[in-house]
């Protein structure tokens, strides 16, 4: 029986079949290390290109590589991992866990390592094809496909060919390949972080997948000194300069020349046609605007102003929900009176206002975006509020405080999915039929998001200049033909908290509210109404049962 992953005692292994190293007996679809020559000695002088040697030479505990396609970094990493797993513990040996984005890449990596084990450490190893059953906390089970080679040192290289949800407890070197294409690369990085305690290492390798991908966010954080990763960048051009085409010629038996090399590189680049951004991303390791992105960074920034108030953010620790009611109410009141009140007082009483709210209770943030409708029909975000880890009652009180303080409130739209339904219902009970309880669905996105996107092109919306607001709107993308924040999207805010495009849905809801044909009610005292009737006998006003009169006006869409 093969041993279970360390730290995952709840899991169970099945007996793994052993795959033969005889090429005649291997499955047709099993790549044998990319079909590298049997006599290839990766340690021989000149076999590794300069950038491959540079990557291996960096023994940093944390390192990350942004690479162009087919630059040979995974090949070099497989060699390094083989040397690590083949070494005794006294020489720095340890287990290696390889986590690719697809199962075939896991098999190919193991193929590389098995070849290197034979040529470098003189070990003829078998490849085990197994399945590990990981039992989650909720009782469900996840089958994780795995390929393993074991060394006489006692260590192993294991390729987990799926995206395991529970890899906490791994001990050794962890390699995350094509990280930009993992469903949750941040989750994987967070899960393996504890292995550093006992001398483990983390290597993250990937080509880019958009400027707003979590992989690129990790790189930007590393560049800003916010994490400990050492950054490497190797483009396709670097690989060509370092001898990639010469190796192609060697394998094909062709004669190398500079002219042939230039023509070969030009031909590869020309295959991308007019998709220059795609070509630069895949070959030159320059992240492009996200594939399918609905808004570009330049367009979003052109609709931002430093004259608008800064985003207001209020977050509370988990213990906040356990405080007595009066304590929570008191802190929420201090936030409203101390922070929100001056901003609400500064709003123009002559302008109509509306709001959109995207609800979250834990994990993500609740975002409230307030638009002022200008005489030029520009929607200006005069107030943007983000709430993190705030209980339902306090979210209700804060929303009521904002809505009651808006001059000429003409309407609002709230996310009414799940727990958001409570707050949306309370808002409608307080402010009436001018509040729309929106069930965010594919149909709603399809009907309403294009108008919000067009507002940026028309320059009819203005947002505060804020890094998180920018990132949120960059996340809007075409998903199955509709525009939304992709379900798996995640980014890290300037405050260190995770985000899911929080202000983008709130902004879209506020825009939606600003376009509705709401009924506006204007209340006057009966005394004032009597004076008005003397001046205008034909008034359509009517007295209600409370001694007040009500003017009813239809507000046309803008």
Protein backbone atom coordinates (compact mmCIF):
# COMPACT_ATOMS: atom_id res chain seq x y z
CA UNK A 1 0.00 0.00 0.00
CA UNK A 2 1.26 3.46 -0.81
CA UNK A 3 1.39 5.86 2.08
CA UNK A 4 -1.11 8.70 2.40
CA UNK A 5 -0.12 12.32 2.03
CA UNK A 6 1.35 13.67 5.27
CA UNK A 7 -1.12 15.80 7.15
CA UNK A 8 -4.16 14.17 5.52
CA UNK A 9 -4.92 11.23 7.82
CA UNK A 10 -8.61 11.30 6.85
CA UNK A 11 -7.78 10.25 3.29
CA UNK A 12 -7.50 6.75 1.89
CA UNK A 13 -5.34 5.36 -0.87
CA UNK A 14 -6.19 2.53 -3.26
CA UNK A 15 -3.50 0.16 -4.51
CA UNK A 16 -1.73 1.95 -7.37
CA UNK A 17 -0.88 0.14 -10.59
CA UNK A 18 2.74 0.44 -11.69
CA UNK A 19 3.47 1.69 -15.20
CA UNK A 20 6.33 0.01 -17.03
CA UNK A 21 9.36 2.03 -18.10
CA UNK A 22 9.53 -0.10 -21.25
CA UNK A 23 8.47 2.29 -24.04
CA UNK A 24 6.77 -0.58 -25.88
CA UNK A 25 4.46 -1.20 -22.90
CA UNK A 26 3.56 2.40 -22.08
CA UNK A 27 0.09 3.69 -23.01
CA UNK A 28 0.06 5.56 -26.31
CA UNK A 29 -0.93 8.81 -24.64
CA UNK A 30 1.71 8.66 -21.90
CA UNK A 31 4.38 11.29 -22.68
CA UNK A 32 7.83 10.02 -21.76
CA UNK A 33 9.37 13.27 -20.66
CA UNK A 34 8.45 15.01 -23.87
CA UNK A 35 10.17 12.19 -25.84
CA UNK A 36 13.62 13.47 -24.89
CA UNK A 37 16.57 11.40 -26.20
CA UNK A 38 17.49 8.46 -23.97
CA UNK A 39 21.15 9.48 -23.93
CA UNK A 40 20.47 13.09 -22.95
CA UNK A 41 22.55 14.07 -19.93
CA UNK A 42 20.95 17.24 -18.52
CA UNK A 43 24.08 17.99 -16.49
CA UNK A 44 26.35 17.99 -19.50
CA UNK A 45 27.83 21.36 -20.41
CA UNK A 46 25.67 23.32 -22.81
CA UNK A 47 22.52 21.20 -22.44
CA UNK A 48 20.73 23.72 -20.23
CA UNK A 49 20.19 27.18 -21.64
CA UNK A 50 21.35 30.18 -19.62
CA UNK A 51 17.91 31.05 -18.28
CA UNK A 52 17.30 27.43 -17.24
CA UNK A 53 20.58 27.38 -15.34
CA UNK A 54 19.72 30.73 -13.78
CA UNK A 55 16.38 29.37 -12.53
CA UNK A 56 17.93 26.25 -11.00
CA UNK A 57 20.78 28.22 -9.43
CA UNK A 58 18.33 30.33 -7.40
CA UNK A 59 17.84 28.38 -4.16
CA UNK A 60 15.41 30.91 -2.66
CA UNK A 61 12.74 29.47 -0.41
CA UNK A 62 10.09 31.30 -2.42
CA UNK A 63 10.51 32.01 -6.11
CA UNK A 64 8.13 32.78 -8.93
CA UNK A 65 8.64 32.72 -12.69
CA UNK A 66 6.67 34.54 -15.38
CA UNK A 67 7.60 32.82 -18.60
CA UNK A 68 6.90 32.72 -22.31
CA UNK A 69 5.57 29.52 -23.81
CA UNK A 70 8.00 26.63 -24.38
CA UNK A 71 10.94 28.30 -22.71
CA UNK A 72 11.98 25.11 -20.90
CA UNK A 73 11.48 26.22 -17.30
CA UNK A 74 9.35 23.20 -16.40
CA UNK A 75 12.04 20.97 -17.92
CA UNK A 76 14.67 22.65 -15.74
CA UNK A 77 12.46 22.43 -12.68
CA UNK A 78 12.00 18.70 -13.22
CA UNK A 79 15.79 18.30 -13.16
CA UNK A 80 16.09 20.34 -9.98
CA UNK A 81 13.29 18.34 -8.33
CA UNK A 82 14.99 15.08 -9.30
CA UNK A 83 18.21 16.21 -7.63
CA UNK A 84 16.26 17.23 -4.51
CA UNK A 85 14.30 13.95 -4.20
CA UNK A 86 17.36 11.79 -5.00
CA UNK A 87 19.46 13.39 -2.26
CA UNK A 88 19.66 12.06 1.28
CA UNK A 89 18.09 14.13 4.03
CA UNK A 90 21.55 15.14 5.25
CA UNK A 91 22.23 16.61 1.80
CA UNK A 92 18.99 18.58 1.69
CA UNK A 93 16.76 15.92 0.18
CA UNK A 94 12.99 16.08 0.62
CA UNK A 95 9.72 15.14 -1.04
CA UNK A 96 8.56 17.08 -4.07
CA UNK A 97 4.92 17.76 -4.94
CA UNK A 98 4.13 18.99 -8.43
CA UNK A 99 0.73 20.67 -8.95
CA UNK A 100 -0.07 21.46 -12.61
CA UNK A 101 -3.26 22.86 -14.06
CA UNK A 102 -4.02 19.71 -16.06
CA UNK A 103 -3.49 15.98 -15.63
CA UNK A 104 -1.36 15.47 -18.80
CA UNK A 105 1.18 18.02 -17.56
CA UNK A 106 1.55 16.04 -14.36
CA UNK A 107 2.32 12.90 -16.33
CA UNK A 108 4.81 14.73 -18.53
CA UNK A 109 6.62 16.18 -15.52
CA UNK A 110 6.92 12.72 -13.97
CA UNK A 111 8.26 11.48 -17.31
CA UNK A 112 10.99 14.10 -17.24
CA UNK A 113 11.88 13.28 -13.64
CA UNK A 114 11.98 9.52 -14.29
CA UNK A 115 14.39 10.06 -17.19
CA UNK A 116 16.60 12.33 -15.12
CA UNK A 117 16.61 9.79 -12.28
CA UNK A 118 18.00 7.19 -14.68
CA UNK A 119 20.65 9.46 -16.21
CA UNK A 120 21.64 11.53 -13.19
CA UNK A 121 21.18 9.37 -10.10
CA UNK A 122 21.45 6.05 -11.99
CA UNK A 123 18.10 4.87 -10.62
CA UNK A 124 15.65 2.94 -12.80
CA UNK A 125 12.35 3.93 -11.26
CA UNK A 126 8.79 2.76 -11.73
CA UNK A 127 5.93 5.21 -12.10
CA UNK A 128 2.92 4.59 -9.88
CA UNK A 129 -0.49 5.65 -11.11
CA UNK A 130 -2.73 6.05 -8.08
CA UNK A 131 -5.84 7.75 -6.79
CA UNK A 132 -6.00 9.40 -3.40
CA UNK A 133 -9.43 9.81 -1.84
CA UNK A 134 -9.51 13.05 0.15
CA UNK A 135 -12.35 13.25 2.65
CA UNK A 136 -13.51 16.83 3.20
CA UNK A 137 -14.75 18.25 6.47
CA UNK A 138 -18.35 18.11 5.23
CA UNK A 139 -18.09 14.34 4.74
CA UNK A 140 -17.89 14.36 0.95
CA UNK A 141 -14.99 12.70 -0.84
CA UNK A 142 -12.78 14.01 -3.63
CA UNK A 143 -10.72 11.67 -5.81
CA UNK A 144 -7.28 13.09 -6.57
CA UNK A 145 -5.33 11.43 -9.37
CA UNK A 146 -1.63 11.09 -8.65
CA UNK A 147 1.59 9.94 -10.33
CA UNK A 148 4.54 9.01 -8.12
CA UNK A 149 8.16 7.98 -8.49
CA UNK A 150 10.08 6.86 -5.39
CA UNK A 151 13.82 7.18 -4.82
CA UNK A 152 16.17 5.02 -2.77
CA UNK A 153 16.74 8.14 -0.68
CA UNK A 154 13.31 7.54 0.81
CA UNK A 155 11.80 10.60 -0.86
CA UNK A 156 9.38 10.81 -3.77
CA UNK A 157 8.20 13.11 -6.52
CA UNK A 158 4.44 13.17 -6.69
CA UNK A 159 2.36 14.86 -9.38
CA UNK A 160 -1.14 15.69 -8.24
CA UNK A 161 -2.89 15.89 -11.58
CA UNK A 162 -6.07 17.57 -10.36
CA UNK A 163 -6.59 20.72 -8.33
CA UNK A 164 -6.65 19.31 -4.80
CA UNK A 165 -8.77 21.33 -2.41
CA UNK A 166 -6.95 20.12 0.68
CA UNK A 167 -3.17 20.02 0.35
CA UNK A 168 -2.41 21.37 3.81
CA UNK A 169 0.19 19.32 5.59
CA UNK A 170 2.43 18.64 2.60
CA UNK A 171 6.08 18.68 3.61
CA UNK A 172 8.80 19.34 1.06
CA UNK A 173 9.19 21.33 -2.13
CA UNK A 174 5.94 22.31 -3.82
CA UNK A 175 5.92 23.30 -7.51
CA UNK A 176 2.80 25.03 -8.83
CA UNK A 177 2.95 25.02 -12.63
CA UNK A 178 0.85 27.21 -14.97
CA UNK A 179 -0.42 28.88 -11.82
CA UNK A 180 -2.29 31.59 -13.73
CA UNK A 181 -4.64 28.90 -15.02
CA UNK A 182 -5.44 27.28 -11.68
CA UNK A 183 -8.95 27.84 -10.35
CA UNK A 184 -7.64 29.19 -7.06
CA UNK A 185 -3.90 29.76 -7.09
CA UNK A 186 -4.08 31.93 -3.97
CA UNK A 187 -5.85 29.12 -2.15
CA UNK A 188 -3.12 26.70 -3.19
CA UNK A 189 -0.36 29.10 -2.12
CA UNK A 190 -2.07 29.70 1.23
CA UNK A 191 -2.50 25.96 1.74
CA UNK A 192 1.19 25.14 1.28
CA UNK A 193 2.47 28.14 3.21
CA UNK A 194 2.86 26.19 6.46
CA UNK A 195 5.42 23.81 4.90
CA UNK A 196 8.01 26.59 5.11
CA UNK A 197 8.15 25.98 8.87
CA UNK A 198 10.05 22.74 8.36
CA UNK A 199 12.31 23.85 5.54
CA UNK A 200 10.02 23.41 2.57
CA UNK A 201 10.13 25.53 -0.57
CA UNK A 202 7.58 26.92 -3.00
CA UNK A 203 8.13 27.40 -6.74
CA UNK A 204 5.43 29.07 -8.83
CA UNK A 205 5.78 28.92 -12.62
CA UNK A 206 3.38 30.20 -15.26
CA UNK A 207 2.78 32.03 -18.46
CA UNK A 208 0.42 34.97 -17.97
CA UNK A 209 -3.37 34.87 -18.09
CA UNK A 210 -4.34 38.52 -18.00
CA UNK A 211 -3.25 41.57 -16.08
CA UNK A 212 -5.83 41.06 -13.33
CA UNK A 213 -5.16 37.35 -12.73
CA UNK A 214 -4.19 36.23 -9.19
CA UNK A 215 -0.83 35.09 -10.61
CA UNK A 216 -0.02 38.61 -11.83
CA UNK A 217 -1.29 40.01 -8.53
CA UNK A 218 1.26 37.80 -6.73
CA UNK A 219 4.00 39.19 -8.94
CA UNK A 220 2.94 42.79 -8.32
CA UNK A 221 2.88 42.14 -4.59
CA UNK A 222 6.38 40.63 -4.82
CA UNK A 223 7.60 43.68 -6.74
CA UNK A 224 6.19 45.89 -4.00
CA UNK A 225 7.90 43.84 -1.30
CA UNK A 226 4.59 42.58 0.13
CA UNK A 227 5.57 38.91 -0.04
CA UNK A 228 8.85 37.03 -0.02
CA UNK A 229 8.92 35.71 -3.58
CA UNK A 230 12.03 36.17 -5.72
CA UNK A 231 10.86 37.11 -9.24
CA UNK A 232 12.18 35.64 -12.50
CA UNK A 233 10.99 36.48 -16.00
CA UNK A 234 12.02 34.58 -19.12
CA UNK A 235 10.49 35.37 -22.49
CA UNK A 236 10.42 33.33 -25.68
CA UNK A 237 12.89 35.87 -27.06
CA UNK A 238 15.25 35.11 -24.14
CA UNK A 239 15.03 31.40 -24.92
CA UNK A 240 15.76 31.98 -28.62
CA UNK A 241 18.75 34.16 -27.75
CA UNK A 242 19.97 31.49 -25.34
CA UNK A 243 19.91 28.75 -27.98
CA UNK A 244 16.36 27.40 -28.26
CA UNK A 245 16.36 27.31 -32.05
CA UNK A 246 19.80 25.72 -32.10
CA UNK A 247 18.35 22.85 -30.06
CA UNK A 248 15.42 22.59 -32.47
CA UNK A 249 17.88 22.32 -35.35
CA UNK A 250 19.89 19.69 -33.47
CA UNK A 251 16.85 17.48 -32.88
CA UNK A 252 15.64 17.88 -36.49
CA UNK A 253 19.11 17.42 -37.94
CA UNK A 254 19.03 20.84 -39.63
CA UNK A 255 21.89 23.29 -39.97
CA UNK A 256 21.56 26.44 -37.87
CA UNK A 257 22.02 29.94 -39.20
CA UNK A 258 21.08 33.36 -37.91
CA UNK A 259 18.88 33.97 -40.95
CA UNK A 260 16.97 30.74 -40.38
CA UNK A 261 16.56 31.57 -36.69
CA UNK A 262 15.18 35.04 -37.42
CA UNK A 263 12.74 33.64 -39.98
CA UNK A 264 11.66 30.88 -37.56
CA UNK A 265 10.95 33.33 -34.74
CA UNK A 266 9.11 35.70 -37.11
CA UNK A 267 6.96 32.83 -38.36
CA UNK A 268 5.97 31.83 -34.84
CA UNK A 269 5.06 35.40 -33.94
CA UNK A 270 3.12 35.89 -37.18
CA UNK A 271 0.85 32.99 -36.23
CA UNK A 272 -0.90 35.34 -33.80
CA UNK A 273 -1.93 37.66 -36.63
CA UNK A 274 -3.28 40.97 -35.34
CA UNK A 275 -3.58 39.64 -31.78
CA UNK A 276 -0.52 41.53 -30.64
CA UNK A 277 -1.52 41.57 -26.98
CA UNK A 278 -2.06 37.81 -27.03
CA UNK A 279 1.29 37.25 -28.69
CA UNK A 280 3.11 39.43 -26.16
CA UNK A 281 1.40 37.63 -23.31
CA UNK A 282 2.15 34.11 -24.51
CA UNK A 283 5.65 34.71 -25.87
CA UNK A 284 7.03 37.78 -24.12
CA UNK A 285 5.54 37.19 -20.64
CA UNK A 286 3.73 40.55 -20.74
CA UNK A 287 0.26 40.21 -19.18
CA UNK A 288 -2.56 41.36 -21.41
CA UNK A 289 -5.90 42.79 -20.46
CA UNK A 290 -7.84 39.75 -19.30
CA UNK A 291 -9.16 37.52 -22.07
CA UNK A 292 -12.77 38.53 -22.60
CA UNK A 293 -12.35 41.65 -20.51
CA UNK A 294 -15.28 44.03 -20.81
CA UNK A 295 -13.37 47.17 -19.78
CA UNK A 296 -9.74 48.17 -20.25
CA UNK A 297 -7.71 49.84 -17.55
CA UNK A 298 -7.29 52.97 -19.67
CA UNK A 299 -11.03 53.28 -20.22
CA UNK A 300 -11.82 52.82 -16.53
CA UNK A 301 -9.21 55.36 -15.44
CA UNK A 302 -10.61 57.87 -17.95
CA UNK A 303 -13.87 57.68 -15.97
CA UNK A 304 -12.25 58.30 -12.58
CA UNK A 305 -11.74 61.57 -10.73
CA UNK A 306 -9.56 62.54 -7.80
CA UNK A 307 -12.11 65.22 -6.94
CA UNK A 308 -14.61 62.63 -5.74
CA UNK A 309 -14.47 61.56 -2.08
CA UNK A 310 -12.27 58.60 -1.20
CA UNK A 311 -13.84 55.19 -0.70
CA UNK A 312 -15.03 54.64 2.88
CA UNK A 313 -14.06 51.24 4.30
CA UNK A 314 -15.17 49.83 7.64
CA UNK A 315 -14.21 46.35 8.80
CA UNK A 316 -14.65 44.60 12.13
CA UNK A 317 -13.00 41.50 13.64
CA UNK A 318 -14.95 38.25 13.95
CA UNK A 319 -15.59 38.90 17.65
CA UNK A 320 -17.65 41.96 16.75
CA UNK A 321 -20.72 39.82 16.03
CA UNK A 322 -20.60 38.43 19.58
CA UNK A 323 -20.79 41.81 21.29
CA UNK A 324 -23.98 42.88 23.02
CA UNK A 325 -26.53 44.60 20.81
CA UNK A 326 -25.93 48.00 22.34
CA UNK A 327 -22.16 47.76 21.80
CA UNK A 328 -22.53 46.88 18.13
CA UNK A 329 -25.15 49.59 17.70
CA UNK A 330 -22.89 52.11 19.41
CA UNK A 331 -19.90 51.35 17.16
CA UNK A 332 -22.07 51.46 14.02
CA UNK A 333 -23.54 54.77 15.17
CA UNK A 334 -20.05 56.20 15.71
CA UNK A 335 -19.12 55.13 12.17
CA UNK A 336 -22.24 56.74 10.72
CA UNK A 337 -22.02 59.98 12.69
CA UNK A 338 -18.27 60.36 12.51
CA UNK A 339 -17.50 59.21 8.96
CA UNK A 340 -20.67 59.11 6.86
CA UNK A 341 -22.50 62.17 8.15
CA UNK A 342 -20.00 64.78 6.81
CA UNK A 343 -20.02 63.09 3.40
CA UNK A 344 -23.82 62.97 3.27
CA UNK A 345 -24.07 66.62 4.38
CA UNK A 346 -21.76 67.60 1.51
CA UNK A 347 -24.15 66.20 -1.13
CA UNK A 348 -25.93 68.68 -3.38
CA UNK A 349 -29.55 69.03 -2.12
CA UNK A 350 -30.69 70.05 -5.59
CA UNK A 351 -29.56 66.86 -7.27
CA UNK A 352 -31.28 63.49 -7.41
CA UNK A 353 -29.44 60.56 -5.89
CA UNK A 354 -29.70 56.80 -6.20
CA UNK A 355 -27.70 53.84 -4.93
CA UNK A 356 -26.74 50.26 -5.69
CA UNK A 357 -25.74 47.68 -3.12
CA UNK A 358 -23.94 44.34 -3.55
CA UNK A 359 -24.35 42.33 -0.36
CA UNK A 360 -21.84 40.10 1.43
CA UNK A 361 -21.75 38.90 4.99
CA UNK A 362 -18.36 37.18 5.24
CA UNK A 363 -15.50 36.59 2.85
CA UNK A 364 -16.25 39.34 0.35
CA UNK A 365 -17.39 42.88 1.10
CA UNK A 366 -20.73 44.62 0.98
CA UNK A 367 -20.38 47.58 -1.38
CA UNK A 368 -22.73 50.56 -1.61
CA UNK A 369 -22.30 53.01 -4.50
CA UNK A 370 -24.24 56.30 -4.43
CA UNK A 371 -24.68 58.20 -7.70
CA UNK A 372 -25.54 61.86 -7.98
CA UNK A 373 -27.49 62.52 -11.20
CA UNK A 374 -26.08 65.73 -12.63
CA UNK A 375 -27.78 68.24 -14.90
CA UNK A 376 -25.50 66.85 -17.61
CA UNK A 377 -26.91 63.36 -16.83
CA UNK A 378 -23.49 62.27 -15.58
CA UNK A 379 -23.66 59.75 -12.75
CA UNK A 380 -21.01 60.76 -10.22
CA UNK A 381 -20.17 58.37 -7.39
CA UNK A 382 -20.31 60.85 -4.52
CA UNK A 383 -20.16 58.11 -1.94
CA UNK A 384 -18.73 54.57 -2.05
CA UNK A 385 -18.88 52.51 1.14
CA UNK A 386 -17.38 49.05 1.75
CA UNK A 387 -18.31 46.95 4.78
CA UNK A 388 -16.29 43.91 5.83
CA UNK A 389 -17.50 41.37 8.38
CA UNK A 390 -20.44 43.50 9.53
CA UNK A 391 -23.50 41.68 11.03
CA UNK A 392 -26.91 41.90 9.35
CA UNK A 393 -28.43 44.34 11.85
CA UNK A 394 -25.58 46.82 11.54
CA UNK A 395 -25.57 46.56 7.74
CA UNK A 396 -29.27 47.41 7.84
CA UNK A 397 -28.71 50.38 10.16
CA UNK A 398 -25.84 51.74 8.04
CA UNK A 399 -27.83 51.35 4.81
CA UNK A 400 -30.79 53.14 6.41
CA UNK A 401 -28.49 55.95 7.55
CA UNK A 402 -27.11 56.36 4.03
CA UNK A 403 -30.48 56.20 2.28
CA UNK A 404 -32.18 58.58 4.74
CA UNK A 405 -29.34 61.05 4.27
CA UNK A 406 -29.48 61.16 0.46
CA UNK A 407 -31.05 64.35 -0.93
CA UNK A 408 -33.88 63.63 -3.38
CA UNK A 409 -33.51 59.86 -3.18
CA UNK A 410 -35.06 58.65 -6.41
CA UNK A 411 -34.37 54.94 -6.04
CA UNK A 412 -32.05 52.08 -5.31
CA UNK A 413 -31.28 48.56 -6.47
CA UNK A 414 -30.02 45.84 -4.15
CA UNK A 415 -28.63 42.37 -4.67
CA UNK A 416 -31.39 40.12 -3.31
CA UNK A 417 -29.71 36.75 -3.71
CA UNK A 418 -29.23 34.56 -0.65
CA UNK A 419 -28.64 36.52 2.53
CA UNK A 420 -28.90 39.77 0.57
CA UNK A 421 -32.64 39.21 0.30
CA UNK A 422 -33.10 40.29 3.92
CA UNK A 423 -31.48 43.67 3.42
CA UNK A 424 -33.18 44.25 0.07
CA UNK A 425 -36.56 43.50 1.64
CA UNK A 426 -35.90 45.86 4.56
CA UNK A 427 -34.88 48.63 2.16
CA UNK A 428 -38.08 48.26 0.17
CA UNK A 429 -40.15 48.31 3.35
CA UNK A 430 -38.43 51.55 4.36
CA UNK A 431 -38.37 53.45 1.05
CA UNK A 432 -41.17 51.82 -0.89
CA UNK A 433 -41.54 50.73 -4.49
CA UNK A 434 -38.60 52.86 -5.66
CA UNK A 435 -36.35 50.11 -4.30
CA UNK A 436 -35.71 47.20 -6.68
CA UNK A 437 -34.86 43.80 -5.22
CA UNK A 438 -32.62 42.34 -7.94
CA UNK A 439 -31.99 38.64 -8.32
CA UNK A 440 -28.67 38.79 -10.14
CA UNK A 441 -28.97 36.19 -12.88
CA UNK A 442 -27.70 35.54 -16.40
CA UNK A 443 -30.85 37.18 -17.73
CA UNK A 444 -30.37 40.31 -15.60
CA UNK A 445 -26.71 40.59 -16.55
CA UNK A 446 -27.54 40.12 -20.22
CA UNK A 447 -30.18 42.87 -20.17
CA UNK A 448 -28.48 45.45 -17.96
CA UNK A 449 -24.69 45.12 -17.91
CA UNK A 450 -24.12 46.32 -21.51
CA UNK A 451 -25.60 49.73 -20.61
CA UNK A 452 -23.20 50.07 -17.67
CA UNK A 453 -20.24 49.15 -19.87
CA UNK A 454 -21.37 51.67 -22.51
CA UNK A 455 -21.47 54.36 -19.81
CA UNK A 456 -17.68 54.19 -19.63
CA UNK A 457 -17.36 54.65 -23.38
CA UNK A 458 -19.85 57.53 -23.27
CA UNK A 459 -18.07 59.09 -20.28
CA UNK A 460 -21.40 59.32 -18.47
CA UNK A 461 -20.20 57.70 -15.25
CA UNK A 462 -17.51 58.97 -12.89
CA UNK A 463 -15.90 56.92 -10.12
CA UNK A 464 -13.38 57.84 -7.42
CA UNK A 465 -9.73 57.26 -8.23
CA UNK A 466 -9.14 54.10 -6.21
CA UNK A 467 -6.97 51.06 -6.90
CA UNK A 468 -9.55 48.57 -5.67
CA UNK A 469 -12.41 50.17 -7.62
CA UNK A 470 -10.20 49.96 -10.71
CA UNK A 471 -9.36 46.29 -10.11
CA UNK A 472 -13.01 45.46 -9.45
CA UNK A 473 -14.10 46.91 -12.80
CA UNK A 474 -11.21 45.27 -14.64
CA UNK A 475 -12.67 41.97 -13.42
CA UNK A 476 -15.84 42.45 -15.49
CA UNK A 477 -15.60 39.96 -18.34
CA UNK A 478 -17.67 38.15 -20.93
CA UNK A 479 -18.72 34.82 -19.44
CA UNK A 480 -20.82 32.64 -21.73
CA UNK A 481 -21.93 35.70 -23.63
CA UNK A 482 -22.86 37.88 -20.64
CA UNK A 483 -20.85 40.47 -18.72
CA UNK A 484 -20.20 39.77 -15.06
CA UNK A 485 -17.45 39.21 -12.53
CA UNK A 486 -16.46 35.56 -13.16
CA UNK A 487 -17.51 33.28 -10.32
CA UNK A 488 -13.96 32.14 -9.58
CA UNK A 489 -12.43 35.61 -9.70
CA UNK A 490 -10.49 36.82 -6.67
CA UNK A 491 -8.08 39.66 -6.05
CA UNK A 492 -6.31 41.12 -3.03
CA UNK A 493 -7.35 44.61 -1.94
CA UNK A 494 -5.05 47.38 -0.75
CA UNK A 495 -6.16 46.54 2.80
CA UNK A 496 -5.08 42.92 2.37
CA UNK A 497 -8.60 41.50 2.23
CA UNK A 498 -9.83 39.27 -0.60
CA UNK A 499 -12.21 40.83 -3.10
CA UNK A 500 -14.64 39.54 -5.69
CA UNK A 501 -15.07 42.63 -7.82
CA UNK A 502 -17.18 44.13 -5.01
CA UNK A 503 -17.78 47.66 -6.30
CA UNK A 504 -18.40 46.63 -9.92
CA UNK A 505 -21.78 44.92 -9.28
CA UNK A 506 -22.72 47.71 -6.87
CA UNK A 507 -21.92 50.31 -9.54
CA UNK A 508 -23.94 48.39 -12.12
CA UNK A 509 -26.89 48.20 -9.73
CA UNK A 510 -26.65 51.94 -9.03
CA UNK A 511 -26.61 52.62 -12.77
CA UNK A 512 -29.62 50.35 -13.21
CA UNK A 513 -31.47 52.26 -10.45
CA UNK A 514 -30.68 55.58 -12.14
CA UNK A 515 -32.48 54.50 -15.32
CA UNK A 516 -35.75 53.27 -13.81
CA UNK A 517 -39.15 54.94 -14.21
CA UNK A 518 -39.73 55.45 -10.53
CA UNK A 519 -42.66 57.30 -8.95
CA UNK A 520 -41.44 60.20 -6.84
CA UNK A 521 -43.50 61.22 -3.79
CA UNK A 522 -43.22 64.76 -2.41
CA UNK A 523 -44.83 65.40 0.99
CA UNK A 524 -46.11 68.74 2.28
CA UNK A 525 -48.05 69.76 5.35
CA UNK A 526 -51.77 70.43 4.87
CA UNK A 527 -51.19 74.08 5.78
CA UNK A 528 -48.56 74.53 3.07
CA UNK A 529 -50.78 72.65 0.69
CA UNK A 530 -53.68 75.02 1.33
CA UNK A 531 -51.53 77.97 0.33
CA UNK A 532 -50.43 76.13 -2.77
CA UNK A 533 -54.03 75.37 -3.76
CA UNK A 534 -54.93 79.05 -3.49
CA UNK A 535 -52.18 79.82 -5.95
CA UNK A 536 -52.88 76.77 -8.13
CA UNK A 537 -56.55 75.69 -7.82
CA UNK A 538 -56.14 73.01 -10.46
CA UNK A 539 -53.53 71.11 -8.49
CA UNK A 540 -53.95 67.35 -8.60
CA UNK A 541 -52.89 66.95 -4.99
CA UNK A 542 -55.05 65.10 -2.49
CA UNK A 543 -55.07 65.10 1.32
CA UNK A 544 -54.24 61.87 3.07
CA UNK A 545 -55.55 60.58 6.40
CA UNK A 546 -52.68 62.07 8.40
CA UNK A 547 -53.33 65.67 7.58
CA UNK A 548 -50.63 65.66 4.90
CA UNK A 549 -50.96 65.92 1.20
CA UNK A 550 -49.14 63.90 -1.40
CA UNK A 551 -47.97 65.01 -4.83
CA UNK A 552 -47.46 62.09 -7.16
CA UNK A 553 -45.12 62.56 -10.10
CA UNK A 554 -43.90 60.07 -12.65
CA UNK A 555 -40.18 60.27 -13.11
CA UNK A 556 -39.19 59.39 -16.67
CA UNK A 557 -36.04 57.43 -17.34
CA UNK A 558 -32.97 59.51 -18.01
